[in-house]
Amino acid sequence: VLEKDRQRKVDEQIELILKTDPEILEINSQIDDLKKMVK
């Protein structure tokens, strides 16, 4: 139970970072642009 709870908390923190970190947001935007270009 503790391991699952720890993993859930880690996942929440990772998700928060992915949604708020400017560098990651910029990289995600670039990835989206590249996907559009490929399409």
PDB file of all heavy atoms in Angstrom:
ATOM      1  N   VAL A   1       0.844  -1.202   0.000  1.00  0.00           N
ATOM      2  CA  VAL A   1       0.000   0.000   0.000  1.00  0.00           C
ATOM      3  C   VAL A   1       0.880   1.253   0.000  1.00  0.00           C
ATOM      4  O   VAL A   1       0.636   2.200  -0.746  1.00  0.00           O
ATOM      5  CB  VAL A   1      -0.954   0.008   1.222  1.00  0.00           C
ATOM      6  CG1 VAL A   1      -1.613   1.360   1.407  1.00  0.00           C
ATOM      7  CG2 VAL A   1      -1.989  -1.094   1.081  1.00  0.00           C
ATOM      8  N   LEU A   2       1.922   1.241   0.804  1.00  0.00           N
ATOM      9  CA  LEU A   2       2.822   2.395   0.870  1.00  0.00           C
ATOM     10  C   LEU A   2       3.544   2.614  -0.459  1.00  0.00           C
ATOM     11  O   LEU A   2       3.721   3.750  -0.904  1.00  0.00           O
ATOM     12  CB  LEU A   2       3.832   2.220   2.004  1.00  0.00           C
ATOM     13  CG  LEU A   2       3.260   2.347   3.414  1.00  0.00           C
ATOM     14  CD1 LEU A   2       4.313   1.962   4.446  1.00  0.00           C
ATOM     15  CD2 LEU A   2       2.746   3.750   3.673  1.00  0.00           C
ATOM     16  N   GLU A   3       3.965   1.523  -1.097  1.00  0.00           N
ATOM     17  CA  GLU A   3       4.644   1.641  -2.390  1.00  0.00           C
ATOM     18  C   GLU A   3       3.710   2.217  -3.450  1.00  0.00           C
ATOM     19  O   GLU A   3       4.105   3.080  -4.240  1.00  0.00           O
ATOM     20  CB  GLU A   3       5.173   0.279  -2.839  1.00  0.00           C
ATOM     21  CG  GLU A   3       6.397  -0.174  -2.067  1.00  0.00           C
ATOM     22  CD  GLU A   3       6.855  -1.582  -2.439  1.00  0.00           C
ATOM     23  OE1 GLU A   3       6.101  -2.317  -3.098  1.00  0.00           O
ATOM     24  OE2 GLU A   3       7.981  -1.932  -2.057  1.00  0.00           O
ATOM     25  N   LYS A   4       2.466   1.745  -3.452  1.00  0.00           N
ATOM     26  CA  LYS A   4       1.488   2.277  -4.418  1.00  0.00           C
ATOM     27  C   LYS A   4       1.222   3.752  -4.151  1.00  0.00           C
ATOM     28  O   LYS A   4       1.123   4.550  -5.084  1.00  0.00           O
ATOM     29  CB  LYS A   4       0.192   1.468  -4.361  1.00  0.00           C
ATOM     30  CG  LYS A   4       0.314   0.093  -4.956  1.00  0.00           C
ATOM     31  CD  LYS A   4      -0.961  -0.701  -4.798  1.00  0.00           C
ATOM     32  CE  LYS A   4      -0.777  -2.107  -5.330  1.00  0.00           C
ATOM     33  NZ  LYS A   4      -1.951  -2.949  -5.098  1.00  0.00           N
ATOM     34  N   ASP A   5       1.108   4.126  -2.897  1.00  0.00           N
ATOM     35  CA  ASP A   5       0.872   5.518  -2.537  1.00  0.00           C
ATOM     36  C   ASP A   5       2.061   6.382  -2.944  1.00  0.00           C
ATOM     37  O   ASP A   5       1.888   7.476  -3.494  1.00  0.00           O
ATOM     38  CB  ASP A   5       0.614   5.636  -1.035  1.00  0.00           C
ATOM     39  CG  ASP A   5       0.172   7.026  -0.641  1.00  0.00           C
ATOM     40  OD1 ASP A   5      -0.763   7.550  -1.277  1.00  0.00           O
ATOM     41  OD2 ASP A   5       0.775   7.591   0.296  1.00  0.00           O
ATOM     42  N   ARG A   6       3.257   5.896  -2.699  1.00  0.00           N
ATOM     43  CA  ARG A   6       4.462   6.628  -3.086  1.00  0.00           C
ATOM     44  C   ARG A   6       4.499   6.820  -4.595  1.00  0.00           C
ATOM     45  O   ARG A   6       4.756   7.914  -5.088  1.00  0.00           O
ATOM     46  CB  ARG A   6       5.717   5.884  -2.623  1.00  0.00           C
ATOM     47  CG  ARG A   6       7.014   6.614  -2.971  1.00  0.00           C
ATOM     48  CD  ARG A   6       8.233   5.719  -2.830  1.00  0.00           C
ATOM     49  NE  ARG A   6       8.178   4.545  -3.671  1.00  0.00           N
ATOM     50  CZ  ARG A   6       8.464   4.534  -4.979  1.00  0.00           C
ATOM     51  NH1 ARG A   6       8.826   5.627  -5.594  1.00  0.00           N
ATOM     52  NH2 ARG A   6       8.402   3.413  -5.662  1.00  0.00           N
ATOM     53  N   GLN A   7       4.202   5.761  -5.341  1.00  0.00           N
ATOM     54  CA  GLN A   7       4.213   5.854  -6.802  1.00  0.00           C
ATOM     55  C   GLN A   7       3.162   6.834  -7.305  1.00  0.00           C
ATOM     56  O   GLN A   7       3.403   7.608  -8.224  1.00  0.00           O
ATOM     57  CB  GLN A   7       3.995   4.478  -7.424  1.00  0.00           C
ATOM     58  CG  GLN A   7       4.149   4.478  -8.932  1.00  0.00           C
ATOM     59  CD  GLN A   7       5.534   4.925  -9.365  1.00  0.00           C
ATOM     60  OE1 GLN A   7       6.536   4.414  -8.869  1.00  0.00           O
ATOM     61  NE2 GLN A   7       5.594   5.868 -10.284  1.00  0.00           N
ATOM     62  N   ARG A   8       2.001   6.839  -6.666  1.00  0.00           N
ATOM     63  CA  ARG A   8       0.943   7.774  -7.044  1.00  0.00           C
ATOM     64  C   ARG A   8       1.409   9.205  -6.826  1.00  0.00           C
ATOM     65  O   ARG A   8       1.226  10.072  -7.685  1.00  0.00           O
ATOM     66  CB  ARG A   8      -0.326   7.497  -6.243  1.00  0.00           C
ATOM     67  CG  ARG A   8      -1.492   8.416  -6.589  1.00  0.00           C
ATOM     68  CD  ARG A   8      -2.689   8.210  -5.669  1.00  0.00           C
ATOM     69  NE  ARG A   8      -2.389   8.315  -4.249  1.00  0.00           N
ATOM     70  CZ  ARG A   8      -2.211   9.472  -3.604  1.00  0.00           C
ATOM     71  NH1 ARG A   8      -2.295  10.603  -4.243  1.00  0.00           N
ATOM     72  NH2 ARG A   8      -1.958   9.483  -2.315  1.00  0.00           N
ATOM     73  N   LYS A   9       2.049   9.460  -5.696  1.00  0.00           N
ATOM     74  CA  LYS A   9       2.547  10.804  -5.401  1.00  0.00           C
ATOM     75  C   LYS A   9       3.638  11.215  -6.388  1.00  0.00           C
ATOM     76  O   LYS A   9       3.673  12.363  -6.838  1.00  0.00           O
ATOM     77  CB  LYS A   9       3.055  10.879  -3.963  1.00  0.00           C
ATOM     78  CG  LYS A   9       1.932  10.843  -2.945  1.00  0.00           C
ATOM     79  CD  LYS A   9       2.453  10.858  -1.529  1.00  0.00           C
ATOM     80  CE  LYS A   9       1.299  10.799  -0.538  1.00  0.00           C
ATOM     81  NZ  LYS A   9       1.755  10.712   0.845  1.00  0.00           N
ATOM     82  N   VAL A  10       4.518  10.296  -6.722  1.00  0.00           N
ATOM     83  CA  VAL A  10       5.564  10.580  -7.706  1.00  0.00           C
ATOM     84  C   VAL A  10       4.924  10.901  -9.054  1.00  0.00           C
ATOM     85  O   VAL A  10       5.304  11.882  -9.722  1.00  0.00           O
ATOM     86  CB  VAL A  10       6.549   9.392  -7.827  1.00  0.00           C
ATOM     87  CG1 VAL A  10       7.443   9.546  -9.046  1.00  0.00           C
ATOM     88  CG2 VAL A  10       7.377   9.247  -6.568  1.00  0.00           C
ATOM     89  N   ASP A  11       3.954  10.104  -9.455  1.00  0.00           N
ATOM     90  CA  ASP A  11       3.261  10.344 -10.730  1.00  0.00           C
ATOM     91  C   ASP A  11       2.578  11.712 -10.738  1.00  0.00           C
ATOM     92  O   ASP A  11       2.599  12.418 -11.746  1.00  0.00           O
ATOM     93  CB  ASP A  11       2.240   9.245 -11.002  1.00  0.00           C
ATOM     94  CG  ASP A  11       2.891   7.905 -11.311  1.00  0.00           C
ATOM     95  OD1 ASP A  11       4.107   7.883 -11.595  1.00  0.00           O
ATOM     96  OD2 ASP A  11       2.180   6.889 -11.263  1.00  0.00           O
ATOM     97  N   GLU A  12       1.973  12.084  -9.623  1.00  0.00           N
ATOM     98  CA  GLU A  12       1.316  13.393  -9.530  1.00  0.00           C
ATOM     99  C   GLU A  12       2.341  14.520  -9.688  1.00  0.00           C
ATOM    100  O   GLU A  12       2.079  15.508 -10.374  1.00  0.00           O
ATOM    101  CB  GLU A  12       0.585  13.536  -8.197  1.00  0.00           C
ATOM    102  CG  GLU A  12      -0.679  12.717  -8.094  1.00  0.00           C
ATOM    103  CD  GLU A  12      -1.302  12.773  -6.706  1.00  0.00           C
ATOM    104  OE1 GLU A  12      -0.698  13.373  -5.785  1.00  0.00           O
ATOM    105  OE2 GLU A  12      -2.392  12.195  -6.536  1.00  0.00           O
ATOM    106  N   GLN A  13       3.488  14.363  -9.050  1.00  0.00           N
ATOM    107  CA  GLN A  13       4.527  15.390  -9.151  1.00  0.00           C
ATOM    108  C   GLN A  13       5.073  15.488 -10.568  1.00  0.00           C
ATOM    109  O   GLN A  13       5.285  16.581 -11.093  1.00  0.00           O
ATOM    110  CB  GLN A  13       5.676  15.095  -8.166  1.00  0.00           C
ATOM    111  CG  GLN A  13       5.305  15.312  -6.722  1.00  0.00           C
ATOM    112  CD  GLN A  13       4.919  16.754  -6.444  1.00  0.00           C
ATOM    113  OE1 GLN A  13       5.605  17.671  -6.864  1.00  0.00           O
ATOM    114  NE2 GLN A  13       3.802  16.960  -5.758  1.00  0.00           N
ATOM    115  N   ILE A  14       5.279  14.363 -11.202  1.00  0.00           N
ATOM    116  CA  ILE A  14       5.760  14.354 -12.587  1.00  0.00           C
ATOM    117  C   ILE A  14       4.737  15.038 -13.479  1.00  0.00           C
ATOM    118  O   ILE A  14       5.090  15.871 -14.326  1.00  0.00           O
ATOM    119  CB  ILE A  14       6.043  12.911 -13.063  1.00  0.00           C
ATOM    120  CG1 ILE A  14       7.276  12.376 -12.347  1.00  0.00           C
ATOM    121  CG2 ILE A  14       6.219  12.865 -14.581  1.00  0.00           C
ATOM    122  CD1 ILE A  14       7.547  10.912 -12.586  1.00  0.00           C
ATOM    123  N   GLU A  15       3.480  14.718 -13.296  1.00  0.00           N
ATOM    124  CA  GLU A  15       2.411  15.327 -14.090  1.00  0.00           C
ATOM    125  C   GLU A  15       2.387  16.840 -13.886  1.00  0.00           C
ATOM    126  O   GLU A  15       2.252  17.609 -14.842  1.00  0.00           O
ATOM    127  CB  GLU A  15       1.056  14.713 -13.718  1.00  0.00           C
ATOM    128  CG  GLU A  15      -0.068  15.095 -14.623  1.00  0.00           C
ATOM    129  CD  GLU A  15       0.097  14.533 -16.025  1.00  0.00           C
ATOM    130  OE1 GLU A  15       0.704  13.476 -16.190  1.00  0.00           O
ATOM    131  OE2 GLU A  15      -0.411  15.195 -16.957  1.00  0.00           O
ATOM    132  N   LEU A  16       2.547  17.273 -12.663  1.00  0.00           N
ATOM    133  CA  LEU A  16       2.563  18.702 -12.355  1.00  0.00           C
ATOM    134  C   LEU A  16       3.742  19.383 -13.053  1.00  0.00           C
ATOM    135  O   LEU A  16       3.588  20.453 -13.653  1.00  0.00           O
ATOM    136  CB  LEU A  16       2.636  18.909 -10.843  1.00  0.00           C
ATOM    137  CG  LEU A  16       2.657  20.354 -10.360  1.00  0.00           C
ATOM    138  CD1 LEU A  16       1.348  21.050 -10.731  1.00  0.00           C
ATOM    139  CD2 LEU A  16       2.870  20.405  -8.864  1.00  0.00           C
ATOM    140  N   ILE A  17       4.890  18.764 -12.993  1.00  0.00           N
ATOM    141  CA  ILE A  17       6.077  19.317 -13.657  1.00  0.00           C
ATOM    142  C   ILE A  17       5.851  19.389 -15.158  1.00  0.00           C
ATOM    143  O   ILE A  17       6.157  20.397 -15.795  1.00  0.00           O
ATOM    144  CB  ILE A  17       7.328  18.478 -13.322  1.00  0.00           C
ATOM    145  CG1 ILE A  17       7.708  18.672 -11.847  1.00  0.00           C
ATOM    146  CG2 ILE A  17       8.488  18.855 -14.233  1.00  0.00           C
ATOM    147  CD1 ILE A  17       8.746  17.703 -11.337  1.00  0.00           C
ATOM    148  N   LEU A  18       5.307  18.327 -15.723  1.00  0.00           N
ATOM    149  CA  LEU A  18       5.076  18.296 -17.161  1.00  0.00           C
ATOM    150  C   LEU A  18       4.090  19.376 -17.611  1.00  0.00           C
ATOM    151  O   LEU A  18       4.170  19.882 -18.730  1.00  0.00           O
ATOM    152  CB  LEU A  18       4.565  16.921 -17.593  1.00  0.00           C
ATOM    153  CG  LEU A  18       5.582  15.790 -17.538  1.00  0.00           C
ATOM    154  CD1 LEU A  18       4.903  14.468 -17.857  1.00  0.00           C
ATOM    155  CD2 LEU A  18       6.756  16.031 -18.453  1.00  0.00           C
ATOM    156  N   LYS A  19       3.166  19.729 -16.739  1.00  0.00           N
ATOM    157  CA  LYS A  19       2.142  20.717 -17.089  1.00  0.00           C
ATOM    158  C   LYS A  19       2.590  22.148 -16.822  1.00  0.00           C
ATOM    159  O   LYS A  19       1.974  23.084 -17.319  1.00  0.00           O
ATOM    160  CB  LYS A  19       0.862  20.449 -16.307  1.00  0.00           C
ATOM    161  CG  LYS A  19       0.117  19.238 -16.772  1.00  0.00           C
ATOM    162  CD  LYS A  19      -1.145  19.054 -15.973  1.00  0.00           C
ATOM    163  CE  LYS A  19      -1.938  17.859 -16.478  1.00  0.00           C
ATOM    164  NZ  LYS A  19      -3.135  17.640 -15.674  1.00  0.00           N
ATOM    165  N   THR A  20       3.648  22.343 -16.017  1.00  0.00           N
ATOM    166  CA  THR A  20       3.989  23.702 -15.606  1.00  0.00           C
ATOM    167  C   THR A  20       5.396  24.153 -15.979  1.00  0.00           C
ATOM    168  O   THR A  20       5.647  25.345 -16.046  1.00  0.00           O
ATOM    169  CB  THR A  20       3.829  23.864 -14.077  1.00  0.00           C
ATOM    170  OG1 THR A  20       4.662  22.916 -13.407  1.00  0.00           O
ATOM    171  CG2 THR A  20       2.383  23.665 -13.666  1.00  0.00           C
ATOM    172  N   ASP A  21       6.304  23.253 -16.215  1.00  0.00           N
ATOM    173  CA  ASP A  21       7.686  23.640 -16.514  1.00  0.00           C
ATOM    174  C   ASP A  21       7.764  24.285 -17.897  1.00  0.00           C
ATOM    175  O   ASP A  21       7.416  23.660 -18.897  1.00  0.00           O
ATOM    176  CB  ASP A  21       8.593  22.407 -16.453  1.00  0.00           C
ATOM    177  CG  ASP A  21      10.043  22.785 -16.623  1.00  0.00           C
ATOM    178  OD1 ASP A  21      10.439  23.039 -17.775  1.00  0.00           O
ATOM    179  OD2 ASP A  21      10.773  22.822 -15.617  1.00  0.00           O
ATOM    180  N   PRO A  22       8.214  25.530 -17.973  1.00  0.00           N
ATOM    181  CA  PRO A  22       8.246  26.241 -19.262  1.00  0.00           C
ATOM    182  C   PRO A  22       9.079  25.525 -20.338  1.00  0.00           C
ATOM    183  O   PRO A  22       8.693  25.502 -21.505  1.00  0.00           O
ATOM    184  CB  PRO A  22       8.862  27.601 -18.917  1.00  0.00           C
ATOM    185  CG  PRO A  22       8.748  27.746 -17.453  1.00  0.00           C
ATOM    186  CD  PRO A  22       8.683  26.372 -16.882  1.00  0.00           C
ATOM    187  N   GLU A  23      10.206  24.970 -19.944  1.00  0.00           N
ATOM    188  CA  GLU A  23      11.048  24.275 -20.924  1.00  0.00           C
ATOM    189  C   GLU A  23      10.346  23.052 -21.485  1.00  0.00           C
ATOM    190  O   GLU A  23      10.387  22.798 -22.690  1.00  0.00           O
ATOM    191  CB  GLU A  23      12.387  23.884 -20.299  1.00  0.00           C
ATOM    192  CG  GLU A  23      13.294  25.068 -20.020  1.00  0.00           C
ATOM    193  CD  GLU A  23      14.601  24.658 -19.393  1.00  0.00           C
ATOM    194  OE1 GLU A  23      14.928  23.459 -19.385  1.00  0.00           O
ATOM    195  OE2 GLU A  23      15.316  25.565 -18.905  1.00  0.00           O
ATOM    196  N   ILE A  24       9.696  22.311 -20.619  1.00  0.00           N
ATOM    197  CA  ILE A  24       8.984  21.115 -21.068  1.00  0.00           C
ATOM    198  C   ILE A  24       7.801  21.516 -21.942  1.00  0.00           C
ATOM    199  O   ILE A  24       7.533  20.889 -22.969  1.00  0.00           O
ATOM    200  CB  ILE A  24       8.540  20.246 -19.870  1.00  0.00           C
ATOM    201  CG1 ILE A  24       9.771  19.648 -19.187  1.00  0.00           C
ATOM    202  CG2 ILE A  24       7.581  19.151 -20.320  1.00  0.00           C
ATOM    203  CD1 ILE A  24       9.496  18.851 -17.955  1.00  0.00           C
ATOM    204  N   LEU A  25       7.109  22.576 -21.557  1.00  0.00           N
ATOM    205  CA  LEU A  25       5.986  23.048 -22.371  1.00  0.00           C
ATOM    206  C   LEU A  25       6.476  23.468 -23.761  1.00  0.00           C
ATOM    207  O   LEU A  25       5.822  23.186 -24.767  1.00  0.00           O
ATOM    208  CB  LEU A  25       5.276  24.214 -21.679  1.00  0.00           C
ATOM    209  CG  LEU A  25       4.489  23.848 -20.419  1.00  0.00           C
ATOM    210  CD1 LEU A  25       4.006  25.119 -19.721  1.00  0.00           C
ATOM    211  CD2 LEU A  25       3.338  22.930 -20.740  1.00  0.00           C
ATOM    212  N   GLU A  26       7.616  24.119 -23.824  1.00  0.00           N
ATOM    213  CA  GLU A  26       8.178  24.538 -25.103  1.00  0.00           C
ATOM    214  C   GLU A  26       8.566  23.319 -25.944  1.00  0.00           C
ATOM    215  O   GLU A  26       8.288  23.269 -27.149  1.00  0.00           O
ATOM    216  CB  GLU A  26       9.407  25.437 -24.876  1.00  0.00           C
ATOM    217  CG  GLU A  26      10.113  25.845 -26.126  1.00  0.00           C
ATOM    218  CD  GLU A  26       9.266  26.700 -27.050  1.00  0.00           C
ATOM    219  OE1 GLU A  26       8.360  27.399 -26.561  1.00  0.00           O
ATOM    220  OE2 GLU A  26       9.516  26.673 -28.258  1.00  0.00           O
ATOM    221  N   ILE A  27       9.182  22.356 -25.306  1.00  0.00           N
ATOM    222  CA  ILE A  27       9.561  21.128 -26.019  1.00  0.00           C
ATOM    223  C   ILE A  27       8.323  20.409 -26.535  1.00  0.00           C
ATOM    224  O   ILE A  27       8.279  19.954 -27.683  1.00  0.00           O
ATOM    225  CB  ILE A  27      10.402  20.204 -25.108  1.00  0.00           C
ATOM    226  CG1 ILE A  27      11.771  20.830 -24.860  1.00  0.00           C
ATOM    227  CG2 ILE A  27      10.537  18.810 -25.711  1.00  0.00           C
ATOM    228  CD1 ILE A  27      12.592  20.149 -23.791  1.00  0.00           C
ATOM    229  N   ASN A  28       7.287  20.334 -25.703  1.00  0.00           N
ATOM    230  CA  ASN A  28       6.042  19.685 -26.133  1.00  0.00           C
ATOM    231  C   ASN A  28       5.420  20.422 -27.308  1.00  0.00           C
ATOM    232  O   ASN A  28       4.886  19.807 -28.236  1.00  0.00           O
ATOM    233  CB  ASN A  28       5.055  19.584 -24.971  1.00  0.00           C
ATOM    234  CG  ASN A  28       5.421  18.489 -23.996  1.00  0.00           C
ATOM    235  OD1 ASN A  28       6.136  17.558 -24.331  1.00  0.00           O
ATOM    236  ND2 ASN A  28       4.954  18.614 -22.777  1.00  0.00           N
ATOM    237  N   SER A  29       5.513  21.743 -27.279  1.00  0.00           N
ATOM    238  CA  SER A  29       4.987  22.535 -28.383  1.00  0.00           C
ATOM    239  C   SER A  29       5.781  22.245 -29.662  1.00  0.00           C
ATOM    240  O   SER A  29       5.201  22.106 -30.742  1.00  0.00           O
ATOM    241  CB  SER A  29       5.071  24.016 -28.027  1.00  0.00           C
ATOM    242  OG  SER A  29       4.692  24.806 -29.107  1.00  0.00           O
ATOM    243  N   GLN A  30       7.076  22.140 -29.537  1.00  0.00           N
ATOM    244  CA  GLN A  30       7.919  21.827 -30.690  1.00  0.00           C
ATOM    245  C   GLN A  30       7.602  20.430 -31.228  1.00  0.00           C
ATOM    246  O   GLN A  30       7.567  20.226 -32.447  1.00  0.00           O
ATOM    247  CB  GLN A  30       9.397  21.937 -30.326  1.00  0.00           C
ATOM    248  CG  GLN A  30       9.838  23.364 -30.059  1.00  0.00           C
ATOM    249  CD  GLN A  30      11.267  23.447 -29.553  1.00  0.00           C
ATOM    250  OE1 GLN A  30      11.925  22.450 -29.278  1.00  0.00           O
ATOM    251  NE2 GLN A  30      11.753  24.675 -29.409  1.00  0.00           N
ATOM    252  N   ILE A  31       7.376  19.499 -30.328  1.00  0.00           N
ATOM    253  CA  ILE A  31       7.024  18.139 -30.750  1.00  0.00           C
ATOM    254  C   ILE A  31       5.707  18.161 -31.521  1.00  0.00           C
ATOM    255  O   ILE A  31       5.579  17.525 -32.573  1.00  0.00           O
ATOM    256  CB  ILE A  31       6.942  17.190 -29.523  1.00  0.00           C
ATOM    257  CG1 ILE A  31       8.337  16.926 -28.976  1.00  0.00           C
ATOM    258  CG2 ILE A  31       6.248  15.881 -29.896  1.00  0.00           C
ATOM    259  CD1 ILE A  31       8.355  16.195 -27.651  1.00  0.00           C
ATOM    260  N   ASP A  32       4.733  18.912 -31.003  1.00  0.00           N
ATOM    261  CA  ASP A  32       3.444  19.029 -31.693  1.00  0.00           C
ATOM    262  C   ASP A  32       3.625  19.633 -33.084  1.00  0.00           C
ATOM    263  O   ASP A  32       3.028  19.164 -34.056  1.00  0.00           O
ATOM    264  CB  ASP A  32       2.464  19.873 -30.875  1.00  0.00           C
ATOM    265  CG  ASP A  32       1.970  19.164 -29.624  1.00  0.00           C
ATOM    266  OD1 ASP A  32       2.119  17.924 -29.547  1.00  0.00           O
ATOM    267  OD2 ASP A  32       1.444  19.847 -28.725  1.00  0.00           O
ATOM    268  N   ASP A  33       4.455  20.674 -33.171  1.00  0.00           N
ATOM    269  CA  ASP A  33       4.725  21.290 -34.470  1.00  0.00           C
ATOM    270  C   ASP A  33       5.366  20.298 -35.436  1.00  0.00           C
ATOM    271  O   ASP A  33       5.008  20.242 -36.618  1.00  0.00           O
ATOM    272  CB  ASP A  33       5.631  22.516 -34.314  1.00  0.00           C
ATOM    273  CG  ASP A  33       4.941  23.683 -33.624  1.00  0.00           C
ATOM    274  OD1 ASP A  33       3.691  23.664 -33.510  1.00  0.00           O
ATOM    275  OD2 ASP A  33       5.649  24.609 -33.191  1.00  0.00           O
ATOM    276  N   LEU A  34       6.310  19.524 -34.932  1.00  0.00           N
ATOM    277  CA  LEU A  34       6.974  18.526 -35.781  1.00  0.00           C
ATOM    278  C   LEU A  34       5.995  17.448 -36.249  1.00  0.00           C
ATOM    279  O   LEU A  34       6.045  17.022 -37.406  1.00  0.00           O
ATOM    280  CB  LEU A  34       8.151  17.888 -35.044  1.00  0.00           C
ATOM    281  CG  LEU A  34       9.378  18.782 -34.872  1.00  0.00           C
ATOM    282  CD1 LEU A  34      10.382  18.126 -33.932  1.00  0.00           C
ATOM    283  CD2 LEU A  34      10.020  19.108 -36.197  1.00  0.00           C
ATOM    284  N   LYS A  35       5.106  17.048 -35.363  1.00  0.00           N
ATOM    285  CA  LYS A  35       4.102  16.051 -35.745  1.00  0.00           C
ATOM    286  C   LYS A  35       3.218  16.591 -36.868  1.00  0.00           C
ATOM    287  O   LYS A  35       2.889  15.868 -37.815  1.00  0.00           O
ATOM    288  CB  LYS A  35       3.245  15.667 -34.538  1.00  0.00           C
ATOM    289  CG  LYS A  35       3.940  14.761 -33.549  1.00  0.00           C
ATOM    290  CD  LYS A  35       3.029  14.462 -32.364  1.00  0.00           C
ATOM    291  CE  LYS A  35       3.696  13.567 -31.356  1.00  0.00           C
ATOM    292  NZ  LYS A  35       2.827  13.310 -30.190  1.00  0.00           N
ATOM    293  N   LYS A  36       2.833  17.874 -36.762  1.00  0.00           N
ATOM    294  CA  LYS A  36       2.016  18.494 -37.803  1.00  0.00           C
ATOM    295  C   LYS A  36       2.784  18.540 -39.121  1.00  0.00           C
ATOM    296  O   LYS A  36       2.217  18.291 -40.190  1.00  0.00           O
ATOM    297  CB  LYS A  36       1.601  19.906 -37.384  1.00  0.00           C
ATOM    298  CG  LYS A  36       0.580  19.936 -36.276  1.00  0.00           C
ATOM    299  CD  LYS A  36       0.303  21.361 -35.828  1.00  0.00           C
ATOM    300  CE  LYS A  36      -0.599  21.377 -34.607  1.00  0.00           C
ATOM    301  NZ  LYS A  36      -0.749  22.733 -34.065  1.00  0.00           N
ATOM    302  N   MET A  37       4.069  18.865 -39.036  1.00  0.00           N
ATOM    303  CA  MET A  37       4.883  18.931 -40.242  1.00  0.00           C
ATOM    304  C   MET A  37       5.004  17.557 -40.907  1.00  0.00           C
ATOM    305  O   MET A  37       4.927  17.439 -42.133  1.00  0.00           O
ATOM    306  CB  MET A  37       6.273  19.486 -39.914  1.00  0.00           C
ATOM    307  CG  MET A  37       6.257  20.955 -39.537  1.00  0.00           C
ATOM    308  SD  MET A  37       7.825  21.552 -38.897  1.00  0.00           S
ATOM    309  CE  MET A  37       8.874  21.381 -40.311  1.00  0.00           C
ATOM    310  N   VAL A  38       5.185  16.530 -40.097  1.00  0.00           N
ATOM    311  CA  VAL A  38       5.284  15.170 -40.627  1.00  0.00           C
ATOM    312  C   VAL A  38       3.974  14.781 -41.300  1.00  0.00           C
ATOM    313  O   VAL A  38       3.967  14.227 -42.399  1.00  0.00           O
ATOM    314  CB  VAL A  38       5.659  14.165 -39.506  1.00  0.00           C
ATOM    315  CG1 VAL A  38       5.445  12.738 -39.948  1.00  0.00           C
ATOM    316  CG2 VAL A  38       7.089  14.382 -39.052  1.00  0.00           C
ATOM    317  N   LYS A  39       2.867  15.095 -40.649  1.00  0.00           N
ATOM    318  CA  LYS A  39       1.555  14.766 -41.218  1.00  0.00           C
ATOM    319  C   LYS A  39       1.358  15.482 -42.553  1.00  0.00           C
ATOM    320  O   LYS A  39       0.916  14.881 -43.540  1.00  0.00           O
ATOM    321  CB  LYS A  39       0.450  15.149 -40.237  1.00  0.00           C
ATOM    322  CG  LYS A  39      -0.924  14.750 -40.702  1.00  0.00           C
ATOM    323  CD  LYS A  39      -1.961  15.069 -39.665  1.00  0.00           C
ATOM    324  CE  LYS A  39      -3.333  14.670 -40.174  1.00  0.00           C
ATOM    325  NZ  LYS A  39      -4.377  14.948 -39.213  1.00  0.00           N
TER     326      LYS A  39
END
